[in-house]
Amino acid sequence: MPWSAGPLPGWEAEKQLHSGFRSSKPDSPGYTEEQHAEVARFRAELLQLSITVSTHPFWEQVEQGQVVDVRMRLKHQHEAHDTEAA
């Protein structure tokens, strides 16, 4: 997908201090109608999944003061599995 949802000209930044690197982007034609529709579909799906997770009955079982801690552990649960596999 293009780097910009709408048509925008490309650019090249100034050379970075102590480096020859120059960040740049080519011209962006913008998203096609199909790409706009796909992004809208993904956003709607993300919203629905967020609602499903945040309103799940599980959260009623968690003590009021522990909700943030439990959510953070859930968020990082995959990291525990990654270290076990290594």
PDB file of N, CA and C in Angstrom:
ATOM      1  N   MET A   1       0.846  -1.176   0.000  1.00  0.00           N
ATOM      2  CA  MET A   1       0.000   0.000   0.000  1.00  0.00           C
ATOM      3  C   MET A   1       0.894   1.244   0.000  1.00  0.00           C
ATOM      4  N   PRO A   2       0.408   2.301  -0.574  1.00  0.00           N
ATOM      5  CA  PRO A   2       1.173   3.553  -0.556  1.00  0.00           C
ATOM      6  C   PRO A   2       1.376   4.033   0.881  1.00  0.00           C
ATOM      7  N   TRP A   3       2.400   4.841   1.097  1.00  0.00           N
ATOM      8  CA  TRP A   3       2.695   5.327   2.440  1.00  0.00           C
ATOM      9  C   TRP A   3       1.702   6.370   2.913  1.00  0.00           C
ATOM     10  N   SER A   4       0.906   6.933   2.015  1.00  0.00           N
ATOM     11  CA  SER A   4      -0.073   7.947   2.380  1.00  0.00           C
ATOM     12  C   SER A   4      -1.448   7.564   1.837  1.00  0.00           C
ATOM     13  N   ALA A   5      -2.484   7.782   2.648  1.00  0.00           N
ATOM     14  CA  ALA A   5      -3.838   7.466   2.208  1.00  0.00           C
ATOM     15  C   ALA A   5      -4.282   8.377   1.067  1.00  0.00           C
ATOM     16  N   GLY A   6      -3.819   9.614   1.074  1.00  0.00           N
ATOM     17  CA  GLY A   6      -4.145  10.556   0.008  1.00  0.00           C
ATOM     18  C   GLY A   6      -2.922  10.831  -0.841  1.00  0.00           C
ATOM     19  N   PRO A   7      -3.098  11.313  -2.051  1.00  0.00           N
ATOM     20  CA  PRO A   7      -1.952  11.623  -2.899  1.00  0.00           C
ATOM     21  C   PRO A   7      -1.076  12.716  -2.275  1.00  0.00           C
ATOM     22  N   LEU A   8       0.210  12.430  -2.174  1.00  0.00           N
ATOM     23  CA  LEU A   8       1.160  13.397  -1.633  1.00  0.00           C
ATOM     24  C   LEU A   8       2.479  13.294  -2.389  1.00  0.00           C
ATOM     25  N   PRO A   9       3.174  14.414  -2.520  1.00  0.00           N
ATOM     26  CA  PRO A   9       4.473  14.361  -3.182  1.00  0.00           C
ATOM     27  C   PRO A   9       5.510  13.703  -2.273  1.00  0.00           C
ATOM     28  N   GLY A  10       6.507  13.107  -2.887  1.00  0.00           N
ATOM     29  CA  GLY A  10       7.597  12.515  -2.131  1.00  0.00           C
ATOM     30  C   GLY A  10       8.476  13.596  -1.532  1.00  0.00           C
ATOM     31  N   TRP A  11       9.440  13.180  -0.726  1.00  0.00           N
ATOM     32  CA  TRP A  11      10.333  14.117  -0.089  1.00  0.00           C
ATOM     33  C   TRP A  11      11.653  13.448   0.247  1.00  0.00           C
ATOM     34  N   GLU A  12      12.649  14.270   0.470  1.00  0.00           N
ATOM     35  CA  GLU A  12      13.943  13.798   0.942  1.00  0.00           C
ATOM     36  C   GLU A  12      14.391  14.742   2.048  1.00  0.00           C
ATOM     37  N   ALA A  13      14.751  14.178   3.205  1.00  0.00           N
ATOM     38  CA  ALA A  13      15.162  14.979   4.354  1.00  0.00           C
ATOM     39  C   ALA A  13      16.619  15.410   4.204  1.00  0.00           C
ATOM     40  N   GLU A  14      16.991  16.361   5.018  1.00  0.00           N
ATOM     41  CA  GLU A  14      18.379  16.799   5.071  1.00  0.00           C
ATOM     42  C   GLU A  14      19.259  15.664   5.580  1.00  0.00           C
ATOM     43  N   LYS A  15      20.529  15.709   5.213  1.00  0.00           N
ATOM     44  CA  LYS A  15      21.493  14.722   5.682  1.00  0.00           C
ATOM     45  C   LYS A  15      21.571  14.790   7.202  1.00  0.00           C
ATOM     46  N   GLN A  16      21.612  13.609   7.848  1.00  0.00           N
ATOM     47  CA  GLN A  16      21.687  13.545   9.303  1.00  0.00           C
ATOM     48  C   GLN A  16      23.096  13.887   9.780  1.00  0.00           C
ATOM     49  N   LEU A  17      23.203  14.503  10.934  1.00  0.00           N
ATOM     50  CA  LEU A  17      24.476  14.873  11.530  1.00  0.00           C
ATOM     51  C   LEU A  17      25.337  13.630  11.742  1.00  0.00           C
ATOM     52  N   HIS A  18      26.581  13.679  11.341  1.00  0.00           N
ATOM     53  CA  HIS A  18      27.547  12.581  11.488  1.00  0.00           C
ATOM     54  C   HIS A  18      27.135  11.340  10.711  1.00  0.00           C
ATOM     55  N   SER A  19      26.391  11.503   9.667  1.00  0.00           N
ATOM     56  CA  SER A  19      25.937  10.365   8.866  1.00  0.00           C
ATOM     57  C   SER A  19      25.644  10.839   7.459  1.00  0.00           C
ATOM     58  N   GLY A  20      25.747   9.942   6.510  1.00  0.00           N
ATOM     59  CA  GLY A  20      25.377  10.272   5.143  1.00  0.00           C
ATOM     60  C   GLY A  20      23.930   9.898   4.841  1.00  0.00           C
ATOM     61  N   PHE A  21      23.218   9.374   5.845  1.00  0.00           N
ATOM     62  CA  PHE A  21      21.848   8.898   5.632  1.00  0.00           C
ATOM     63  C   PHE A  21      20.885  10.053   5.410  1.00  0.00           C
ATOM     64  N   ARG A  22      20.064   9.893   4.389  1.00  0.00           N
ATOM     65  CA  ARG A  22      18.970  10.836   4.125  1.00  0.00           C
ATOM     66  C   ARG A  22      17.681  10.022   4.013  1.00  0.00           C
ATOM     67  N   SER A  23      16.744  10.258   4.933  1.00  0.00           N
ATOM     68  CA  SER A  23      15.464   9.567   4.816  1.00  0.00           C
ATOM     69  C   SER A  23      14.672  10.199   3.681  1.00  0.00           C
ATOM     70  N   SER A  24      13.859   9.374   3.024  1.00  0.00           N
ATOM     71  CA  SER A  24      13.071   9.880   1.900  1.00  0.00           C
ATOM     72  C   SER A  24      11.864   8.992   1.661  1.00  0.00           C
ATOM     73  N   LYS A  25      10.923   9.526   0.946  1.00  0.00           N
ATOM     74  CA  LYS A  25       9.725   8.798   0.520  1.00  0.00           C
ATOM     75  C   LYS A  25       9.460   9.162  -0.934  1.00  0.00           C
ATOM     76  N   PRO A  26       9.043   8.170  -1.737  1.00  0.00           N
ATOM     77  CA  PRO A  26       8.665   8.478  -3.120  1.00  0.00           C
ATOM     78  C   PRO A  26       7.278   9.125  -3.146  1.00  0.00           C
ATOM     79  N   ASP A  27       6.871   9.617  -4.287  1.00  0.00           N
ATOM     80  CA  ASP A  27       5.512  10.152  -4.426  1.00  0.00           C
ATOM     81  C   ASP A  27       4.506   9.066  -4.053  1.00  0.00           C
ATOM     82  N   SER A  28       3.428   9.477  -3.417  1.00  0.00           N
ATOM     83  CA  SER A  28       2.367   8.543  -3.055  1.00  0.00           C
ATOM     84  C   SER A  28       1.127   8.847  -3.888  1.00  0.00           C
ATOM     85  N   PRO A  29       0.637   7.853  -4.619  1.00  0.00           N
ATOM     86  CA  PRO A  29      -0.576   8.078  -5.398  1.00  0.00           C
ATOM     87  C   PRO A  29      -1.838   8.081  -4.527  1.00  0.00           C
ATOM     88  N   GLY A  30      -1.696   7.669  -3.242  1.00  0.00           N
ATOM     89  CA  GLY A  30      -2.855   7.548  -2.368  1.00  0.00           C
ATOM     90  C   GLY A  30      -3.484   6.171  -2.517  1.00  0.00           C
ATOM     91  N   TYR A  31      -4.394   5.859  -1.634  1.00  0.00           N
ATOM     92  CA  TYR A  31      -5.066   4.565  -1.667  1.00  0.00           C
ATOM     93  C   TYR A  31      -6.087   4.520  -2.796  1.00  0.00           C
ATOM     94  N   THR A  32      -6.285   3.323  -3.324  1.00  0.00           N
ATOM     95  CA  THR A  32      -7.375   3.099  -4.269  1.00  0.00           C
ATOM     96  C   THR A  32      -8.672   2.963  -3.460  1.00  0.00           C
ATOM     97  N   GLU A  33      -9.800   2.971  -4.129  1.00  0.00           N
ATOM     98  CA  GLU A  33     -11.075   2.772  -3.432  1.00  0.00           C
ATOM     99  C   GLU A  33     -11.092   1.425  -2.716  1.00  0.00           C
ATOM    100  N   GLU A  34     -10.509   0.404  -3.328  1.00  0.00           N
ATOM    101  CA  GLU A  34     -10.462  -0.921  -2.706  1.00  0.00           C
ATOM    102  C   GLU A  34      -9.610  -0.891  -1.435  1.00  0.00           C
ATOM    103  N   GLN A  35      -8.488  -0.173  -1.484  1.00  0.00           N
ATOM    104  CA  GLN A  35      -7.636  -0.079  -0.305  1.00  0.00           C
ATOM    105  C   GLN A  35      -8.324   0.699   0.810  1.00  0.00           C
ATOM    106  N   HIS A  36      -9.020   1.783   0.484  1.00  0.00           N
ATOM    107  CA  HIS A  36      -9.793   2.524   1.493  1.00  0.00           C
ATOM    108  C   HIS A  36     -10.835   1.609   2.133  1.00  0.00           C
ATOM    109  N   ALA A  37     -11.513   0.813   1.319  1.00  0.00           N
ATOM    110  CA  ALA A  37     -12.541  -0.097   1.828  1.00  0.00           C
ATOM    111  C   ALA A  37     -11.919  -1.161   2.727  1.00  0.00           C
ATOM    112  N   GLU A  38     -10.759  -1.678   2.350  1.00  0.00           N
ATOM    113  CA  GLU A  38     -10.083  -2.703   3.147  1.00  0.00           C
ATOM    114  C   GLU A  38      -9.629  -2.134   4.493  1.00  0.00           C
ATOM    115  N   VAL A  39      -9.083  -0.924   4.495  1.00  0.00           N
ATOM    116  CA  VAL A  39      -8.670  -0.285   5.749  1.00  0.00           C
ATOM    117  C   VAL A  39      -9.900  -0.069   6.637  1.00  0.00           C
ATOM    118  N   ALA A  40     -10.998   0.382   6.074  1.00  0.00           N
ATOM    119  CA  ALA A  40     -12.229   0.584   6.849  1.00  0.00           C
ATOM    120  C   ALA A  40     -12.723  -0.741   7.427  1.00  0.00           C
ATOM    121  N   ARG A  41     -12.636  -1.812   6.645  1.00  0.00           N
ATOM    122  CA  ARG A  41     -13.053  -3.140   7.124  1.00  0.00           C
ATOM    123  C   ARG A  41     -12.175  -3.599   8.285  1.00  0.00           C
ATOM    124  N   PHE A  42     -10.842  -3.415   8.146  1.00  0.00           N
ATOM    125  CA  PHE A  42      -9.926  -3.793   9.217  1.00  0.00           C
ATOM    126  C   PHE A  42     -10.194  -2.981  10.487  1.00  0.00           C
ATOM    127  N   ARG A  43     -10.452  -1.684  10.346  1.00  0.00           N
ATOM    128  CA  ARG A  43     -10.727  -0.853  11.517  1.00  0.00           C
ATOM    129  C   ARG A  43     -12.016  -1.275  12.204  1.00  0.00           C
ATOM    130  N   ALA A  44     -13.036  -1.596  11.431  1.00  0.00           N
ATOM    131  CA  ALA A  44     -14.304  -2.057  12.003  1.00  0.00           C
ATOM    132  C   ALA A  44     -14.110  -3.390  12.725  1.00  0.00           C
ATOM    133  N   GLU A  45     -13.322  -4.277  12.129  1.00  0.00           N
ATOM    134  CA  GLU A  45     -13.050  -5.569  12.768  1.00  0.00           C
ATOM    135  C   GLU A  45     -12.255  -5.375  14.055  1.00  0.00           C
ATOM    136  N   LEU A  46     -11.262  -4.493  14.023  1.00  0.00           N
ATOM    137  CA  LEU A  46     -10.479  -4.217  15.224  1.00  0.00           C
ATOM    138  C   LEU A  46     -11.361  -3.652  16.330  1.00  0.00           C
ATOM    139  N   LEU A  47     -12.253  -2.742  15.984  1.00  0.00           N
ATOM    140  CA  LEU A  47     -13.168  -2.176  16.975  1.00  0.00           C
ATOM    141  C   LEU A  47     -14.045  -3.272  17.585  1.00  0.00           C
ATOM    142  N   GLN A  48     -14.593  -4.139  16.745  1.00  0.00           N
ATOM    143  CA  GLN A  48     -15.462  -5.211  17.243  1.00  0.00           C
ATOM    144  C   GLN A  48     -14.695  -6.168  18.144  1.00  0.00           C
ATOM    145  N   LEU A  49     -13.472  -6.527  17.748  1.00  0.00           N
ATOM    146  CA  LEU A  49     -12.663  -7.421  18.580  1.00  0.00           C
ATOM    147  C   LEU A  49     -12.290  -6.757  19.903  1.00  0.00           C
ATOM    148  N   SER A  50     -12.000  -5.471  19.870  1.00  0.00           N
ATOM    149  CA  SER A  50     -11.672  -4.740  21.098  1.00  0.00           C
ATOM    150  C   SER A  50     -12.856  -4.736  22.064  1.00  0.00           C
ATOM    151  N   ILE A  51     -14.040  -4.522  21.524  1.00  0.00           N
ATOM    152  CA  ILE A  51     -15.247  -4.543  22.351  1.00  0.00           C
ATOM    153  C   ILE A  51     -15.467  -5.934  22.936  1.00  0.00           C
ATOM    154  N   THR A  52     -15.282  -6.960  22.120  1.00  0.00           N
ATOM    155  CA  THR A  52     -15.469  -8.337  22.573  1.00  0.00           C
ATOM    156  C   THR A  52     -14.532  -8.677  23.722  1.00  0.00           C
ATOM    157  N   VAL A  53     -13.262  -8.296  23.596  1.00  0.00           N
ATOM    158  CA  VAL A  53     -12.286  -8.595  24.641  1.00  0.00           C
ATOM    159  C   VAL A  53     -12.565  -7.777  25.897  1.00  0.00           C
ATOM    160  N   SER A  54     -12.796  -6.486  25.741  1.00  0.00           N
ATOM    161  CA  SER A  54     -12.938  -5.623  26.924  1.00  0.00           C
ATOM    162  C   SER A  54     -14.243  -5.826  27.683  1.00  0.00           C
ATOM    163  N   THR A  55     -15.256  -6.395  27.041  1.00  0.00           N
ATOM    164  CA  THR A  55     -16.530  -6.633  27.725  1.00  0.00           C
ATOM    165  C   THR A  55     -16.749  -8.111  28.050  1.00  0.00           C
ATOM    166  N   HIS A  56     -15.728  -8.932  27.872  1.00  0.00           N
ATOM    167  CA  HIS A  56     -15.847 -10.367  28.151  1.00  0.00           C
ATOM    168  C   HIS A  56     -16.147 -10.584  29.641  1.00  0.00           C
ATOM    169  N   PRO A  57     -16.994 -11.548  29.960  1.00  0.00           N
ATOM    170  CA  PRO A  57     -17.346 -11.812  31.360  1.00  0.00           C
ATOM    171  C   PRO A  57     -16.143 -12.109  32.266  1.00  0.00           C
ATOM    172  N   PHE A  58     -15.030 -12.541  31.703  1.00  0.00           N
ATOM    173  CA  PHE A  58     -13.829 -12.800  32.495  1.00  0.00           C
ATOM    174  C   PHE A  58     -13.457 -11.605  33.361  1.00  0.00           C
ATOM    175  N   TRP A  59     -13.594 -10.395  32.849  1.00  0.00           N
ATOM    176  CA  TRP A  59     -13.148  -9.202  33.571  1.00  0.00           C
ATOM    177  C   TRP A  59     -13.968  -8.937  34.824  1.00  0.00           C
ATOM    178  N   GLU A  60     -15.175  -9.491  34.902  1.00  0.00           N
ATOM    179  CA  GLU A  60     -15.992  -9.344  36.104  1.00  0.00           C
ATOM    180  C   GLU A  60     -15.427 -10.157  37.257  1.00  0.00           C
ATOM    181  N   GLN A  61     -14.624 -11.184  36.964  1.00  0.00           N
ATOM    182  CA  GLN A  61     -14.037 -12.047  37.992  1.00  0.00           C
ATOM    183  C   GLN A  61     -12.748 -11.471  38.569  1.00  0.00           C
ATOM    184  N   VAL A  62     -12.167 -10.484  37.892  1.00  0.00           N
ATOM    185  CA  VAL A  62     -10.903  -9.902  38.329  1.00  0.00           C
ATOM    186  C   VAL A  62     -11.180  -8.817  39.358  1.00  0.00           C
ATOM    187  N   GLU A  63     -10.394  -8.830  40.461  1.00  0.00           N
ATOM    188  CA  GLU A  63     -10.551  -7.797  41.485  1.00  0.00           C
ATOM    189  C   GLU A  63     -10.332  -6.423  40.868  1.00  0.00           C
ATOM    190  N   GLN A  64     -11.109  -5.455  41.320  1.00  0.00           N
ATOM    191  CA  GLN A  64     -11.079  -4.099  40.751  1.00  0.00           C
ATOM    192  C   GLN A  64      -9.665  -3.535  40.671  1.00  0.00           C
ATOM    193  N   GLY A  65      -8.858  -3.678  41.703  1.00  0.00           N
ATOM    194  CA  GLY A  65      -7.516  -3.110  41.712  1.00  0.00           C
ATOM    195  C   GLY A  65      -6.496  -3.901  40.910  1.00  0.00           C
ATOM    196  N   GLN A  66      -6.878  -5.056  40.395  1.00  0.00           N
ATOM    197  CA  GLN A  66      -5.947  -5.926  39.683  1.00  0.00           C
ATOM    198  C   GLN A  66      -6.146  -5.945  38.169  1.00  0.00           C
ATOM    199  N   VAL A  67      -7.126  -5.219  37.680  1.00  0.00           N
ATOM    200  CA  VAL A  67      -7.471  -5.281  36.247  1.00  0.00           C
ATOM    201  C   VAL A  67      -6.306  -4.884  35.355  1.00  0.00           C
ATOM    202  N   VAL A  68      -5.629  -3.796  35.674  1.00  0.00           N
ATOM    203  CA  VAL A  68      -4.513  -3.337  34.829  1.00  0.00           C
ATOM    204  C   VAL A  68      -3.405  -4.373  34.821  1.00  0.00           C
ATOM    205  N   ASP A  69      -3.046  -4.910  35.993  1.00  0.00           N
ATOM    206  CA  ASP A  69      -1.990  -5.921  36.068  1.00  0.00           C
ATOM    207  C   ASP A  69      -2.353  -7.163  35.259  1.00  0.00           C
ATOM    208  N   VAL A  70      -3.589  -7.616  35.388  1.00  0.00           N
ATOM    209  CA  VAL A  70      -4.030  -8.809  34.655  1.00  0.00           C
ATOM    210  C   VAL A  70      -4.025  -8.547  33.145  1.00  0.00           C
ATOM    211  N   ARG A  71      -4.459  -7.374  32.721  1.00  0.00           N
ATOM    212  CA  ARG A  71      -4.438  -7.038  31.293  1.00  0.00           C
ATOM    213  C   ARG A  71      -3.013  -6.999  30.760  1.00  0.00           C
ATOM    214  N   MET A  72      -2.076  -6.451  31.531  1.00  0.00           N
ATOM    215  CA  MET A  72      -0.682  -6.396  31.090  1.00  0.00           C
ATOM    216  C   MET A  72      -0.080  -7.793  30.997  1.00  0.00           C
ATOM    217  N   ARG A  73      -0.402  -8.660  31.958  1.00  0.00           N
ATOM    218  CA  ARG A  73       0.094 -10.045  31.876  1.00  0.00           C
ATOM    219  C   ARG A  73      -0.483 -10.744  30.657  1.00  0.00           C
ATOM    220  N   LEU A  74      -1.761 -10.530  30.383  1.00  0.00           N
ATOM    221  CA  LEU A  74      -2.385 -11.116  29.199  1.00  0.00           C
ATOM    222  C   LEU A  74      -1.722 -10.594  27.925  1.00  0.00           C
ATOM    223  N   LYS A  75      -1.463  -9.302  27.900  1.00  0.00           N
ATOM    224  CA  LYS A  75      -0.837  -8.677  26.730  1.00  0.00           C
ATOM    225  C   LYS A  75       0.533  -9.273  26.432  1.00  0.00           C
ATOM    226  N   HIS A  76       1.279  -9.642  27.466  1.00  0.00           N
ATOM    227  CA  HIS A  76       2.643 -10.151  27.287  1.00  0.00           C
ATOM    228  C   HIS A  76       2.732 -11.673  27.413  1.00  0.00           C
ATOM    229  N   GLN A  77       1.609 -12.353  27.456  1.00  0.00           N
ATOM    230  CA  GLN A  77       1.589 -13.805  27.616  1.00  0.00           C
ATOM    231  C   GLN A  77       2.394 -14.523  26.536  1.00  0.00           C
ATOM    232  N   HIS A  78       2.336 -14.044  25.307  1.00  0.00           N
ATOM    233  CA  HIS A  78       3.061 -14.701  24.209  1.00  0.00           C
ATOM    234  C   HIS A  78       4.575 -14.658  24.429  1.00  0.00           C
ATOM    235  N   GLU A  79       5.081 -13.670  25.159  1.00  0.00           N
ATOM    236  CA  GLU A  79       6.519 -13.572  25.403  1.00  0.00           C
ATOM    237  C   GLU A  79       6.993 -14.721  26.278  1.00  0.00           C
ATOM    238  N   ALA A  80       6.177 -15.168  27.216  1.00  0.00           N
ATOM    239  CA  ALA A  80       6.538 -16.309  28.058  1.00  0.00           C
ATOM    240  C   ALA A  80       6.668 -17.570  27.210  1.00  0.00           C
ATOM    241  N   HIS A  81       5.779 -17.722  26.243  1.00  0.00           N
ATOM    242  CA  HIS A  81       5.857 -18.882  25.349  1.00  0.00           C
ATOM    243  C   HIS A  81       7.071 -18.813  24.441  1.00  0.00           C
ATOM    244  N   ASP A  82       7.449 -17.604  24.003  1.00  0.00           N
ATOM    245  CA  ASP A  82       8.611 -17.435  23.130  1.00  0.00           C
ATOM    246  C   ASP A  82       9.887 -17.851  23.853  1.00  0.00           C
ATOM    247  N   THR A  83      10.028 -17.509  25.128  1.00  0.00           N
ATOM    248  CA  THR A  83      11.244 -17.863  25.863  1.00  0.00           C
ATOM    249  C   THR A  83      11.285 -19.342  26.198  1.00  0.00           C
ATOM    250  N   GLU A  84      10.123 -19.963  26.389  1.00  0.00           N
ATOM    251  CA  GLU A  84      10.078 -21.403  26.654  1.00  0.00           C
ATOM    252  C   GLU A  84      10.522 -22.189  25.431  1.00  0.00           C
ATOM    253  N   ALA A  85      10.182 -21.697  24.238  1.00  0.00           N
ATOM    254  CA  ALA A  85      10.517 -22.396  22.998  1.00  0.00           C
ATOM    255  C   ALA A  85      12.010 -22.280  22.672  1.00  0.00           C
ATOM    256  N   ALA A  86      12.653 -21.252  23.186  1.00  0.00           N
ATOM    257  CA  ALA A  86      14.071 -21.011  22.850  1.00  0.00           C
ATOM    258  C   ALA A  86      15.013 -21.843  23.624  1.00  0.00           C
TER     259      ALA A  86
END
